[in-house]
Protein backbone atom coordinates (compact mmCIF):
# COMPACT_ATOMS: atom_id res chain seq x y z
CA MET A 1 25.94 10.62 -30.17
CA VAL A 2 22.14 10.18 -30.19
CA LYS A 3 21.13 11.18 -27.10
CA LYS A 4 18.14 8.84 -25.84
CA LYS A 5 15.07 10.57 -24.06
CA LYS A 6 14.02 9.09 -20.68
CA LYS A 7 11.17 7.06 -20.79
CA ASP A 8 7.52 8.79 -19.54
CA ILE A 9 7.07 6.70 -16.24
CA ARG A 10 4.10 7.00 -14.44
CA LEU A 11 3.82 5.31 -11.57
CA SER A 12 2.29 5.78 -8.18
CA THR A 13 4.13 2.91 -5.98
CA TRP A 14 7.51 2.81 -5.92
CA VAL A 15 10.57 1.07 -3.87
CA LEU A 16 13.56 3.16 -2.29
CA HIS A 17 16.24 0.83 -1.36
CA VAL A 18 18.64 2.56 1.24
CA GLN A 19 21.98 0.38 2.00
CA THR A 20 24.49 1.64 4.24
CA THR A 21 28.00 0.36 5.07
CA PRO A 22 30.35 1.27 7.54
CA ASN A 23 31.81 4.15 5.25
CA ASN A 24 29.03 5.34 3.03
CA THR A 25 25.58 5.47 2.36
CA MET A 26 24.08 4.17 -0.87
CA ILE A 27 20.25 4.89 -1.81
CA THR A 28 18.36 3.52 -5.23
CA LEU A 29 14.70 4.31 -6.11
CA THR A 30 13.10 1.59 -7.96
CA THR A 31 9.53 0.68 -9.85
CA ASP A 32 7.93 -2.35 -8.66
CA LYS A 33 9.51 -4.72 -11.00
CA GLY A 34 13.20 -3.60 -10.11
CA ASP A 35 13.95 -1.13 -12.92
CA LYS A 36 16.16 1.52 -11.52
CA VAL A 37 15.07 5.13 -12.15
CA ALA A 38 17.14 6.95 -9.62
CA GLY A 39 20.12 6.70 -7.41
CA GLY A 40 23.35 7.37 -5.97
CA TRP A 41 25.73 7.76 -2.76
CA THR A 42 26.67 10.31 -0.87
CA TRP A 43 29.61 11.45 -3.01
CA LEU A 44 26.63 12.41 -5.27
CA VAL A 45 26.07 15.44 -2.59
CA TRP A 46 29.72 16.13 -1.87
CA TYR A 47 29.71 14.17 1.23
CA LYS A 48 33.23 12.85 1.45
CA TRP A 49 35.59 10.49 3.82
CA ALA A 50 34.38 10.83 7.64
CA LYS A 51 30.89 12.85 6.93
CA GLN A 52 29.84 9.97 4.31
CA ASN A 53 28.18 7.83 6.99
CA THR A 54 26.32 10.55 9.10
CA PRO A 55 22.44 11.12 9.17
CA TYR A 56 22.81 14.53 7.68
CA ALA A 57 24.58 12.92 4.34
CA ALA A 58 21.75 10.32 4.45
CA GLU A 59 19.28 13.67 4.46
CA MET A 60 20.69 15.39 2.11
CA LEU A 61 21.00 12.45 -0.52
CA THR A 62 17.20 11.35 -0.05
CA LYS A 63 16.18 14.68 -0.68
CA HIS A 64 18.40 15.10 -3.83
CA ILE A 65 16.77 11.47 -5.07
CA LEU A 66 13.17 12.59 -4.29
CA LYS A 67 13.48 15.58 -6.08
CA ASP A 68 14.98 14.05 -9.19
CA ALA A 69 11.93 11.63 -9.10
CA GLU A 70 9.42 14.01 -8.61
CA GLN A 71 8.69 14.25 -12.01
CA TYR A 72 7.44 10.59 -12.38
CA GLY A 73 4.48 11.06 -10.24
CA LEU A 74 5.50 9.93 -6.76
CA LYS A 75 2.61 9.49 -4.34
CA GLU A 76 3.43 5.82 -2.14
CA LEU A 77 6.59 4.75 -1.05
CA TRP A 78 7.96 1.32 -0.20
CA LEU A 79 11.00 1.28 1.94
CA VAL A 80 13.79 -1.58 1.93
CA MET A 81 16.91 -0.53 4.41
CA LYS A 82 19.82 -2.94 4.71
CA GLY A 83 22.53 -2.16 6.94
CA ILE A 84 23.15 -0.62 10.62
CA GLY A 85 24.02 3.05 12.03
CA MET A 86 22.05 6.33 12.53
CA TRP A 87 21.03 7.16 8.84
CA ARG A 88 17.63 5.99 9.42
CA ASP A 89 16.66 9.03 10.85
CA GLY A 90 18.30 11.27 8.09
CA VAL A 91 16.01 9.22 5.71
CA PHE A 92 13.04 9.53 7.37
CA LYS A 93 13.32 13.40 8.13
CA ALA A 94 13.73 13.95 4.82
CA ILE A 95 10.70 11.97 3.34
CA ASN A 96 8.81 13.88 6.09
CA GLU A 97 10.07 17.13 5.44
CA LEU A 98 9.58 17.52 1.87
CA TRP A 99 6.77 15.56 0.72
CA SER A 100 3.56 14.11 2.04
CA LEU A 101 4.17 10.57 0.81
CA SER A 102 2.39 7.75 2.27
CA ILE A 103 4.78 4.91 3.24
CA LEU A 104 3.01 1.69 2.42
CA TYR A 105 5.67 -0.60 4.28
CA ILE A 106 9.05 -0.68 5.56
CA LYS A 107 10.99 -3.96 5.09
CA GLU A 108 14.30 -4.60 7.19
CA ALA A 109 16.60 -6.46 4.83
CA THR A 110 20.14 -6.47 6.82
CA TRP A 111 21.13 -10.02 7.12
CA ILE A 112 22.36 -11.51 10.61
CA GLN A 113 25.57 -13.29 10.60
CA PHE A 114 25.35 -16.84 11.69
CA GLY A 115 27.68 -19.04 11.75
CA GLY A 116 26.02 -22.64 12.26
CA CYS A 117 25.65 -25.13 14.83
CA LYS A 118 28.35 -25.42 16.93
CA TRP A 119 30.92 -28.30 16.10
CA PHE A 120 32.02 -30.94 18.43
CA ARG A 121 35.17 -30.41 20.10
CA PRO A 122 37.77 -33.28 19.81
CA LYS A 123 39.35 -34.29 22.99
CA ARG A 124 42.78 -33.32 23.23
CA GLY A 125 45.63 -35.81 23.92
């Protein structure tokens, strides 16, 4: 089996997608075009079951992914956040602790549930 070498990617601007569900936190680092470079979820840093959706697990996962991506020349970061919960604090804490990255913008991609217009209720009788 022939192992493929990783491409030498040198970009200054990256996009960090952070998504959370009630049970897990997933983080993906992509290029401007959307090509995935690094990513994972909290099982990657050995947080399982009830500990998966905590701010500390999100912090450890962010540190792990940004350390993997350090070799690509990480300078500027765009954040796309999706989901609800306290994990945001952990992500920001990890970015501020390890690197002096400049965050260009933060986008909130959480969808808001909308059931549409209220239907006319037919009369009984």
